[in-house]
Amino acid sequence: MPRAHLDFDGINLAALAALPALLARWLPGGHREGHEYVALNPRRDDHRPGSFRINLNTGKWADFATDDRGGDVVSLAAYLGGLSQAEAARNLAEMLGVR
């Protein structure tokens, strides 16, 4: 049975609108610095916030200590969850009620 088409742009748009709440859930203990959310990277042995940053306006993110980076909220969800882009998009769509 074929899977339904994923509207990555629509999912990212909905996720961007909910990004502060998503980040508080995914990266508790982080904080806002201007237009960025700064947190410890849970994918590595990170001891001090500063190098892992998410742009709250665009959803672009990077860990400047490892060069891991992505261009949107779906890629961040995939990175944090160890998922494929499609799995992360499906999870976000379900969480946000995007059809």
PDB file of N, CA and C in Angstrom:
ATOM      1  N   MET A   1       0.835  -1.172   0.000  1.00  0.00           N
ATOM      2  CA  MET A   1       0.000   0.000   0.000  1.00  0.00           C
ATOM      3  C   MET A   1       0.888   1.246   0.000  1.00  0.00           C
ATOM      4  N   PRO A   2       0.775   2.151  -0.978  1.00  0.00           N
ATOM      5  CA  PRO A   2       1.650   3.319  -1.050  1.00  0.00           C
ATOM      6  C   PRO A   2       1.342   4.305   0.071  1.00  0.00           C
ATOM      7  N   ARG A   3       2.389   4.973   0.502  1.00  0.00           N
ATOM      8  CA  ARG A   3       2.239   5.986   1.548  1.00  0.00           C
ATOM      9  C   ARG A   3       1.768   7.291   0.929  1.00  0.00           C
ATOM     10  N   ALA A   4       1.044   8.065   1.707  1.00  0.00           N
ATOM     11  CA  ALA A   4       0.551   9.355   1.233  1.00  0.00           C
ATOM     12  C   ALA A   4       1.722  10.303   1.013  1.00  0.00           C
ATOM     13  N   HIS A   5       1.544  11.205   0.072  1.00  0.00           N
ATOM     14  CA  HIS A   5       2.548  12.228  -0.218  1.00  0.00           C
ATOM     15  C   HIS A   5       2.739  13.118   1.007  1.00  0.00           C
ATOM     16  N   LEU A   6       3.975  13.415   1.331  1.00  0.00           N
ATOM     17  CA  LEU A   6       4.274  14.291   2.460  1.00  0.00           C
ATOM     18  C   LEU A   6       4.497  15.709   1.943  1.00  0.00           C
ATOM     19  N   ASP A   7       3.773  16.643   2.498  1.00  0.00           N
ATOM     20  CA  ASP A   7       3.920  18.058   2.154  1.00  0.00           C
ATOM     21  C   ASP A   7       4.978  18.662   3.078  1.00  0.00           C
ATOM     22  N   PHE A   8       6.246  18.474   2.722  1.00  0.00           N
ATOM     23  CA  PHE A   8       7.338  18.952   3.569  1.00  0.00           C
ATOM     24  C   PHE A   8       7.234  20.446   3.827  1.00  0.00           C
ATOM     25  N   ASP A   9       6.896  21.229   2.813  1.00  0.00           N
ATOM     26  CA  ASP A   9       6.794  22.680   2.993  1.00  0.00           C
ATOM     27  C   ASP A   9       5.696  23.023   3.991  1.00  0.00           C
ATOM     28  N   GLY A  10       4.541  22.383   3.858  1.00  0.00           N
ATOM     29  CA  GLY A  10       3.435  22.634   4.781  1.00  0.00           C
ATOM     30  C   GLY A  10       3.752  22.198   6.196  1.00  0.00           C
ATOM     31  N   ILE A  11       4.413  21.059   6.316  1.00  0.00           N
ATOM     32  CA  ILE A  11       4.790  20.559   7.639  1.00  0.00           C
ATOM     33  C   ILE A  11       5.810  21.489   8.276  1.00  0.00           C
ATOM     34  N   ASN A  12       6.796  21.922   7.497  1.00  0.00           N
ATOM     35  CA  ASN A  12       7.793  22.845   8.027  1.00  0.00           C
ATOM     36  C   ASN A  12       7.171  24.175   8.427  1.00  0.00           C
ATOM     37  N   LEU A  13       6.231  24.664   7.647  1.00  0.00           N
ATOM     38  CA  LEU A  13       5.566  25.927   7.964  1.00  0.00           C
ATOM     39  C   LEU A  13       4.808  25.807   9.293  1.00  0.00           C
ATOM     40  N   ALA A  14       4.066  24.729   9.465  1.00  0.00           N
ATOM     41  CA  ALA A  14       3.335  24.513  10.722  1.00  0.00           C
ATOM     42  C   ALA A  14       4.311  24.340  11.886  1.00  0.00           C
ATOM     43  N   ALA A  15       5.396  23.614  11.663  1.00  0.00           N
ATOM     44  CA  ALA A  15       6.381  23.387  12.716  1.00  0.00           C
ATOM     45  C   ALA A  15       7.094  24.681  13.085  1.00  0.00           C
ATOM     46  N   LEU A  16       7.353  25.522  12.116  1.00  0.00           N
ATOM     47  CA  LEU A  16       8.003  26.802  12.391  1.00  0.00           C
ATOM     48  C   LEU A  16       7.113  27.671  13.269  1.00  0.00           C
ATOM     49  N   ALA A  17       5.822  27.642  13.027  1.00  0.00           N
ATOM     50  CA  ALA A  17       4.880  28.422  13.841  1.00  0.00           C
ATOM     51  C   ALA A  17       4.858  27.915  15.284  1.00  0.00           C
ATOM     52  N   ALA A  18       5.126  26.635  15.478  1.00  0.00           N
ATOM     53  CA  ALA A  18       5.110  26.031  16.815  1.00  0.00           C
ATOM     54  C   ALA A  18       6.520  25.821  17.374  1.00  0.00           C
ATOM     55  N   LEU A  19       7.523  26.377  16.722  1.00  0.00           N
ATOM     56  CA  LEU A  19       8.906  26.059  17.063  1.00  0.00           C
ATOM     57  C   LEU A  19       9.273  26.331  18.523  1.00  0.00           C
ATOM     58  N   PRO A  20       8.924  27.459  19.117  1.00  0.00           N
ATOM     59  CA  PRO A  20       9.305  27.637  20.528  1.00  0.00           C
ATOM     60  C   PRO A  20       8.781  26.526  21.435  1.00  0.00           C
ATOM     61  N   ALA A  21       7.554  26.105  21.224  1.00  0.00           N
ATOM     62  CA  ALA A  21       6.991  25.024  22.042  1.00  0.00           C
ATOM     63  C   ALA A  21       7.676  23.691  21.745  1.00  0.00           C
ATOM     64  N   LEU A  22       7.965  23.438  20.474  1.00  0.00           N
ATOM     65  CA  LEU A  22       8.662  22.200  20.112  1.00  0.00           C
ATOM     66  C   LEU A  22      10.040  22.146  20.753  1.00  0.00           C
ATOM     67  N   LEU A  23      10.761  23.257  20.706  1.00  0.00           N
ATOM     68  CA  LEU A  23      12.112  23.283  21.270  1.00  0.00           C
ATOM     69  C   LEU A  23      12.091  23.121  22.778  1.00  0.00           C
ATOM     70  N   ALA A  24      11.112  23.722  23.439  1.00  0.00           N
ATOM     71  CA  ALA A  24      10.996  23.552  24.892  1.00  0.00           C
ATOM     72  C   ALA A  24      10.767  22.081  25.237  1.00  0.00           C
ATOM     73  N   ARG A  25      10.055  21.376  24.370  1.00  0.00           N
ATOM     74  CA  ARG A  25       9.779  19.951  24.585  1.00  0.00           C
ATOM     75  C   ARG A  25      10.999  19.088  24.249  1.00  0.00           C
ATOM     76  N   TRP A  26      11.617  19.387  23.093  1.00  0.00           N
ATOM     77  CA  TRP A  26      12.741  18.569  22.629  1.00  0.00           C
ATOM     78  C   TRP A  26      14.047  18.874  23.344  1.00  0.00           C
ATOM     79  N   LEU A  27      14.249  20.146  23.695  1.00  0.00           N
ATOM     80  CA  LEU A  27      15.522  20.592  24.265  1.00  0.00           C
ATOM     81  C   LEU A  27      15.287  21.391  25.536  1.00  0.00           C
ATOM     82  N   PRO A  28      14.725  20.755  26.570  1.00  0.00           N
ATOM     83  CA  PRO A  28      14.447  21.487  27.805  1.00  0.00           C
ATOM     84  C   PRO A  28      15.741  22.033  28.401  1.00  0.00           C
ATOM     85  N   GLY A  29      15.628  23.183  28.997  1.00  0.00           N
ATOM     86  CA  GLY A  29      16.813  23.798  29.588  1.00  0.00           C
ATOM     87  C   GLY A  29      17.513  24.754  28.649  1.00  0.00           C
ATOM     88  N   GLY A  30      17.087  24.783  27.388  1.00  0.00           N
ATOM     89  CA  GLY A  30      17.652  25.743  26.451  1.00  0.00           C
ATOM     90  C   GLY A  30      17.096  27.127  26.734  1.00  0.00           C
ATOM     91  N   HIS A  31      17.632  28.112  26.031  1.00  0.00           N
ATOM     92  CA  HIS A  31      17.164  29.480  26.227  1.00  0.00           C
ATOM     93  C   HIS A  31      17.272  30.279  24.938  1.00  0.00           C
ATOM     94  N   ARG A  32      16.563  31.367  24.911  1.00  0.00           N
ATOM     95  CA  ARG A  32      16.551  32.245  23.744  1.00  0.00           C
ATOM     96  C   ARG A  32      17.677  33.267  23.862  1.00  0.00           C
ATOM     97  N   GLU A  33      18.384  33.452  22.766  1.00  0.00           N
ATOM     98  CA  GLU A  33      19.375  34.520  22.635  1.00  0.00           C
ATOM     99  C   GLU A  33      19.055  35.228  21.331  1.00  0.00           C
ATOM    100  N   GLY A  34      18.392  36.360  21.411  1.00  0.00           N
ATOM    101  CA  GLY A  34      17.978  37.064  20.203  1.00  0.00           C
ATOM    102  C   GLY A  34      16.996  36.221  19.419  1.00  0.00           C
ATOM    103  N   HIS A  35      17.315  35.948  18.160  1.00  0.00           N
ATOM    104  CA  HIS A  35      16.434  35.135  17.311  1.00  0.00           C
ATOM    105  C   HIS A  35      16.862  33.669  17.263  1.00  0.00           C
ATOM    106  N   GLU A  36      17.684  33.253  18.246  1.00  0.00           N
ATOM    107  CA  GLU A  36      18.144  31.870  18.283  1.00  0.00           C
ATOM    108  C   GLU A  36      17.791  31.207  19.611  1.00  0.00           C
ATOM    109  N   TYR A  37      17.585  29.894  19.533  1.00  0.00           N
ATOM    110  CA  TYR A  37      17.406  29.060  20.716  1.00  0.00           C
ATOM    111  C   TYR A  37      18.725  28.322  20.897  1.00  0.00           C
ATOM    112  N   VAL A  38      19.292  28.408  22.092  1.00  0.00           N
ATOM    113  CA  VAL A  38      20.591  27.811  22.388  1.00  0.00           C
ATOM    114  C   VAL A  38      20.378  26.712  23.429  1.00  0.00           C
ATOM    115  N   ALA A  39      20.903  25.526  23.154  1.00  0.00           N
ATOM    116  CA  ALA A  39      20.687  24.394  24.057  1.00  0.00           C
ATOM    117  C   ALA A  39      21.874  23.445  24.003  1.00  0.00           C
ATOM    118  N   LEU A  40      21.891  22.522  24.945  1.00  0.00           N
ATOM    119  CA  LEU A  40      22.845  21.417  24.876  1.00  0.00           C
ATOM    120  C   LEU A  40      22.387  20.473  23.776  1.00  0.00           C
ATOM    121  N   ASN A  41      23.336  19.896  23.077  1.00  0.00           N
ATOM    122  CA  ASN A  41      23.015  18.933  22.034  1.00  0.00           C
ATOM    123  C   ASN A  41      22.893  17.545  22.667  1.00  0.00           C
ATOM    124  N   PRO A  42      21.688  16.974  22.689  1.00  0.00           N
ATOM    125  CA  PRO A  42      21.511  15.664  23.316  1.00  0.00           C
ATOM    126  C   PRO A  42      22.118  14.504  22.532  1.00  0.00           C
ATOM    127  N   ARG A  43      22.602  14.782  21.325  1.00  0.00           N
ATOM    128  CA  ARG A  43      23.191  13.712  20.502  1.00  0.00           C
ATOM    129  C   ARG A  43      24.681  13.529  20.759  1.00  0.00           C
ATOM    130  N   ARG A  44      25.239  14.340  21.638  1.00  0.00           N
ATOM    131  CA  ARG A  44      26.659  14.179  21.973  1.00  0.00           C
ATOM    132  C   ARG A  44      26.860  14.554  23.441  1.00  0.00           C
ATOM    133  N   ASP A  45      28.053  14.349  23.946  1.00  0.00           N
ATOM    134  CA  ASP A  45      28.378  14.652  25.338  1.00  0.00           C
ATOM    135  C   ASP A  45      28.658  16.152  25.455  1.00  0.00           C
ATOM    136  N   ASP A  46      27.589  16.926  25.436  1.00  0.00           N
ATOM    137  CA  ASP A  46      27.671  18.388  25.447  1.00  0.00           C
ATOM    138  C   ASP A  46      27.539  18.876  26.888  1.00  0.00           C
ATOM    139  N   HIS A  47      28.467  19.723  27.329  1.00  0.00           N
ATOM    140  CA  HIS A  47      28.466  20.177  28.716  1.00  0.00           C
ATOM    141  C   HIS A  47      28.111  21.648  28.883  1.00  0.00           C
ATOM    142  N   ARG A  48      28.251  22.431  27.822  1.00  0.00           N
ATOM    143  CA  ARG A  48      27.960  23.858  27.920  1.00  0.00           C
ATOM    144  C   ARG A  48      27.164  24.305  26.706  1.00  0.00           C
ATOM    145  N   PRO A  49      26.034  24.975  26.932  1.00  0.00           N
ATOM    146  CA  PRO A  49      25.287  25.498  25.787  1.00  0.00           C
ATOM    147  C   PRO A  49      26.086  26.585  25.078  1.00  0.00           C
ATOM    148  N   GLY A  50      25.868  26.699  23.806  1.00  0.00           N
ATOM    149  CA  GLY A  50      26.557  27.734  23.039  1.00  0.00           C
ATOM    150  C   GLY A  50      26.783  27.348  21.599  1.00  0.00           C
ATOM    151  N   SER A  51      27.156  26.103  21.369  1.00  0.00           N
ATOM    152  CA  SER A  51      27.466  25.711  19.995  1.00  0.00           C
ATOM    153  C   SER A  51      26.266  25.142  19.244  1.00  0.00           C
ATOM    154  N   PHE A  52      25.232  24.704  19.950  1.00  0.00           N
ATOM    155  CA  PHE A  52      24.044  24.127  19.314  1.00  0.00           C
ATOM    156  C   PHE A  52      22.958  25.187  19.305  1.00  0.00           C
ATOM    157  N   ARG A  53      22.613  25.664  18.099  1.00  0.00           N
ATOM    158  CA  ARG A  53      21.703  26.792  17.960  1.00  0.00           C
ATOM    159  C   ARG A  53      20.664  26.537  16.878  1.00  0.00           C
ATOM    160  N   ILE A  54      19.456  27.022  17.146  1.00  0.00           N
ATOM    161  CA  ILE A  54      18.356  26.908  16.198  1.00  0.00           C
ATOM    162  C   ILE A  54      17.814  28.305  15.947  1.00  0.00           C
ATOM    163  N   ASN A  55      17.713  28.691  14.681  1.00  0.00           N
ATOM    164  CA  ASN A  55      17.162  29.995  14.326  1.00  0.00           C
ATOM    165  C   ASN A  55      15.644  29.916  14.443  1.00  0.00           C
ATOM    166  N   LEU A  56      15.075  30.751  15.302  1.00  0.00           N
ATOM    167  CA  LEU A  56      13.632  30.720  15.553  1.00  0.00           C
ATOM    168  C   LEU A  56      12.818  31.292  14.400  1.00  0.00           C
ATOM    169  N   ASN A  57      13.438  32.056  13.522  1.00  0.00           N
ATOM    170  CA  ASN A  57      12.734  32.642  12.386  1.00  0.00           C
ATOM    171  C   ASN A  57      12.705  31.720  11.169  1.00  0.00           C
ATOM    172  N   THR A  58      13.757  30.929  11.003  1.00  0.00           N
ATOM    173  CA  THR A  58      13.881  30.118   9.786  1.00  0.00           C
ATOM    174  C   THR A  58      13.837  28.608  10.041  1.00  0.00           C
ATOM    175  N   GLY A  59      14.149  28.187  11.268  1.00  0.00           N
ATOM    176  CA  GLY A  59      14.245  26.762  11.573  1.00  0.00           C
ATOM    177  C   GLY A  59      15.598  26.163  11.247  1.00  0.00           C
ATOM    178  N   LYS A  60      16.484  26.951  10.645  1.00  0.00           N
ATOM    179  CA  LYS A  60      17.835  26.434  10.371  1.00  0.00           C
ATOM    180  C   LYS A  60      18.531  26.200  11.700  1.00  0.00           C
ATOM    181  N   TRP A  61      19.366  25.165  11.741  1.00  0.00           N
ATOM    182  CA  TRP A  61      20.035  24.814  12.977  1.00  0.00           C
ATOM    183  C   TRP A  61      21.449  24.329  12.685  1.00  0.00           C
ATOM    184  N   ALA A  62      22.293  24.404  13.706  1.00  0.00           N
ATOM    185  CA  ALA A  62      23.664  23.922  13.553  1.00  0.00           C
ATOM    186  C   ALA A  62      24.265  23.634  14.916  1.00  0.00           C
ATOM    187  N   ASP A  63      25.159  22.662  14.924  1.00  0.00           N
ATOM    188  CA  ASP A  63      26.035  22.437  16.059  1.00  0.00           C
ATOM    189  C   ASP A  63      27.427  22.797  15.549  1.00  0.00           C
ATOM    190  N   PHE A  64      27.902  23.945  15.970  1.00  0.00           N
ATOM    191  CA  PHE A  64      29.166  24.452  15.454  1.00  0.00           C
ATOM    192  C   PHE A  64      30.369  23.702  16.007  1.00  0.00           C
ATOM    193  N   ALA A  65      30.146  22.826  16.996  1.00  0.00           N
ATOM    194  CA  ALA A  65      31.233  21.989  17.512  1.00  0.00           C
ATOM    195  C   ALA A  65      31.423  20.746  16.653  1.00  0.00           C
ATOM    196  N   THR A  66      30.393  20.343  15.912  1.00  0.00           N
ATOM    197  CA  THR A  66      30.486  19.105  15.139  1.00  0.00           C
ATOM    198  C   THR A  66      30.235  19.300  13.640  1.00  0.00           C
ATOM    199  N   ASP A  67      29.775  20.459  13.242  1.00  0.00           N
ATOM    200  CA  ASP A  67      29.385  20.749  11.861  1.00  0.00           C
ATOM    201  C   ASP A  67      28.105  20.043  11.437  1.00  0.00           C
ATOM    202  N   ASP A  68      27.345  19.462  12.389  1.00  0.00           N
ATOM    203  CA  ASP A  68      26.018  18.958  12.063  1.00  0.00           C
ATOM    204  C   ASP A  68      25.120  20.166  11.861  1.00  0.00           C
ATOM    205  N   ARG A  69      24.279  20.127  10.822  1.00  0.00           N
ATOM    206  CA  ARG A  69      23.416  21.265  10.539  1.00  0.00           C
ATOM    207  C   ARG A  69      22.275  20.850   9.640  1.00  0.00           C
ATOM    208  N   GLY A  70      21.254  21.699   9.618  1.00  0.00           N
ATOM    209  CA  GLY A  70      20.114  21.447   8.758  1.00  0.00           C
ATOM    210  C   GLY A  70      19.379  22.738   8.454  1.00  0.00           C
ATOM    211  N   GLY A  71      18.511  22.657   7.468  1.00  0.00           N
ATOM    212  CA  GLY A  71      17.867  23.856   6.971  1.00  0.00           C
ATOM    213  C   GLY A  71      16.440  24.074   7.393  1.00  0.00           C
ATOM    214  N   ASP A  72      15.872  23.164   8.205  1.00  0.00           N
ATOM    215  CA  ASP A  72      14.468  23.340   8.587  1.00  0.00           C
ATOM    216  C   ASP A  72      14.136  22.493   9.808  1.00  0.00           C
ATOM    217  N   VAL A  73      12.891  22.632  10.269  1.00  0.00           N
ATOM    218  CA  VAL A  73      12.465  21.954  11.483  1.00  0.00           C
ATOM    219  C   VAL A  73      12.379  20.437  11.271  1.00  0.00           C
ATOM    220  N   VAL A  74      11.985  20.004  10.093  1.00  0.00           N
ATOM    221  CA  VAL A  74      11.932  18.561   9.825  1.00  0.00           C
ATOM    222  C   VAL A  74      13.322  17.947   9.972  1.00  0.00           C
ATOM    223  N   SER A  75      14.334  18.603   9.443  1.00  0.00           N
ATOM    224  CA  SER A  75      15.690  18.047   9.556  1.00  0.00           C
ATOM    225  C   SER A  75      16.160  18.040  11.009  1.00  0.00           C
ATOM    226  N   LEU A  76      15.751  19.032  11.791  1.00  0.00           N
ATOM    227  CA  LEU A  76      16.092  19.046  13.217  1.00  0.00           C
ATOM    228  C   LEU A  76      15.409  17.884  13.934  1.00  0.00           C
ATOM    229  N   ALA A  77      14.134  17.671  13.659  1.00  0.00           N
ATOM    230  CA  ALA A  77      13.410  16.550  14.276  1.00  0.00           C
ATOM    231  C   ALA A  77      14.049  15.222  13.886  1.00  0.00           C
ATOM    232  N   ALA A  78      14.458  15.102  12.634  1.00  0.00           N
ATOM    233  CA  ALA A  78      15.120  13.880  12.175  1.00  0.00           C
ATOM    234  C   ALA A  78      16.441  13.680  12.910  1.00  0.00           C
ATOM    235  N   TYR A  79      17.230  14.733  13.016  1.00  0.00           N
ATOM    236  CA  TYR A  79      18.521  14.666  13.693  1.00  0.00           C
ATOM    237  C   TYR A  79      18.345  14.283  15.163  1.00  0.00           C
ATOM    238  N   LEU A  80      17.465  14.979  15.858  1.00  0.00           N
ATOM    239  CA  LEU A  80      17.286  14.733  17.289  1.00  0.00           C
ATOM    240  C   LEU A  80      16.730  13.343  17.571  1.00  0.00           C
ATOM    241  N   GLY A  81      15.850  12.873  16.693  1.00  0.00           N
ATOM    242  CA  GLY A  81      15.231  11.565  16.906  1.00  0.00           C
ATOM    243  C   GLY A  81      15.947  10.407  16.259  1.00  0.00           C
ATOM    244  N   GLY A  82      17.005  10.685  15.506  1.00  0.00           N
ATOM    245  CA  GLY A  82      17.703   9.621  14.792  1.00  0.00           C
ATOM    246  C   GLY A  82      16.808   8.983  13.746  1.00  0.00           C
ATOM    247  N   LEU A  83      16.003   9.807  13.074  1.00  0.00           N
ATOM    248  CA  LEU A  83      15.015   9.347  12.104  1.00  0.00           C
ATOM    249  C   LEU A  83      15.362   9.782  10.696  1.00  0.00           C
ATOM    250  N   SER A  84      14.696   9.186   9.727  1.00  0.00           N
ATOM    251  CA  SER A  84      14.798   9.687   8.357  1.00  0.00           C
ATOM    252  C   SER A  84      13.981  10.975   8.262  1.00  0.00           C
ATOM    253  N   GLN A  85      14.211  11.729   7.213  1.00  0.00           N
ATOM    254  CA  GLN A  85      13.443  12.951   6.995  1.00  0.00           C
ATOM    255  C   GLN A  85      11.951  12.635   6.874  1.00  0.00           C
ATOM    256  N   ALA A  86      11.624  11.563   6.168  1.00  0.00           N
ATOM    257  CA  ALA A  86      10.217  11.192   5.977  1.00  0.00           C
ATOM    258  C   ALA A  86       9.568  10.797   7.303  1.00  0.00           C
ATOM    259  N   GLU A  87      10.270  10.011   8.114  1.00  0.00           N
ATOM    260  CA  GLU A  87       9.722   9.622   9.418  1.00  0.00           C
ATOM    261  C   GLU A  87       9.496  10.847  10.298  1.00  0.00           C
ATOM    262  N   ALA A  88      10.473  11.741  10.313  1.00  0.00           N
ATOM    263  CA  ALA A  88      10.353  12.956  11.116  1.00  0.00           C
ATOM    264  C   ALA A  88       9.195  13.817  10.627  1.00  0.00           C
ATOM    265  N   ALA A  89       9.037  13.933   9.315  1.00  0.00           N
ATOM    266  CA  ALA A  89       7.938  14.732   8.750  1.00  0.00           C
ATOM    267  C   ALA A  89       6.596  14.122   9.126  1.00  0.00           C
ATOM    268  N   ARG A  90       6.471  12.807   9.032  1.00  0.00           N
ATOM    269  CA  ARG A  90       5.217  12.144   9.410  1.00  0.00           C
ATOM    270  C   ARG A  90       4.906  12.369  10.890  1.00  0.00           C
ATOM    271  N   ASN A  91       5.922  12.232  11.741  1.00  0.00           N
ATOM    272  CA  ASN A  91       5.722  12.444  13.176  1.00  0.00           C
ATOM    273  C   ASN A  91       5.287  13.877  13.475  1.00  0.00           C
ATOM    274  N   LEU A  92       5.958  14.838  12.848  1.00  0.00           N
ATOM    275  CA  LEU A  92       5.593  16.235  13.058  1.00  0.00           C
ATOM    276  C   LEU A  92       4.186  16.527  12.552  1.00  0.00           C
ATOM    277  N   ALA A  93       3.855  16.008  11.383  1.00  0.00           N
ATOM    278  CA  ALA A  93       2.515  16.234  10.810  1.00  0.00           C
ATOM    279  C   ALA A  93       1.453  15.710  11.766  1.00  0.00           C
ATOM    280  N   GLU A  94       1.685  14.534  12.311  1.00  0.00           N
ATOM    281  CA  GLU A  94       0.718  13.959  13.251  1.00  0.00           C
ATOM    282  C   GLU A  94       0.640  14.797  14.524  1.00  0.00           C
ATOM    283  N   MET A  95       1.786  15.190  15.055  1.00  0.00           N
ATOM    284  CA  MET A  95       1.840  15.979  16.285  1.00  0.00           C
ATOM    285  C   MET A  95       1.128  17.325  16.114  1.00  0.00           C
ATOM    286  N   LEU A  96       1.293  17.936  14.927  1.00  0.00           N
ATOM    287  CA  LEU A  96       0.757  19.273  14.686  1.00  0.00           C
ATOM    288  C   LEU A  96      -0.611  19.274  14.012  1.00  0.00           C
ATOM    289  N   GLY A  97      -1.107  18.089  13.688  1.00  0.00           N
ATOM    290  CA  GLY A  97      -2.405  17.997  13.036  1.00  0.00           C
ATOM    291  C   GLY A  97      -2.415  18.485  11.597  1.00  0.00           C
ATOM    292  N   VAL A  98      -1.282  18.333  10.920  1.00  0.00           N
ATOM    293  CA  VAL A  98      -1.168  18.745   9.516  1.00  0.00           C
ATOM    294  C   VAL A  98      -1.596  17.582   8.637  1.00  0.00           C
ATOM    295  N   ARG A  99      -2.442  17.845   7.672  1.00  0.00           N
ATOM    296  CA  ARG A  99      -2.919  16.805   6.733  1.00  0.00           C
ATOM    297  C   ARG A  99      -2.333  17.032   5.373  1.00  0.00           C
TER     298      ARG A  99
END
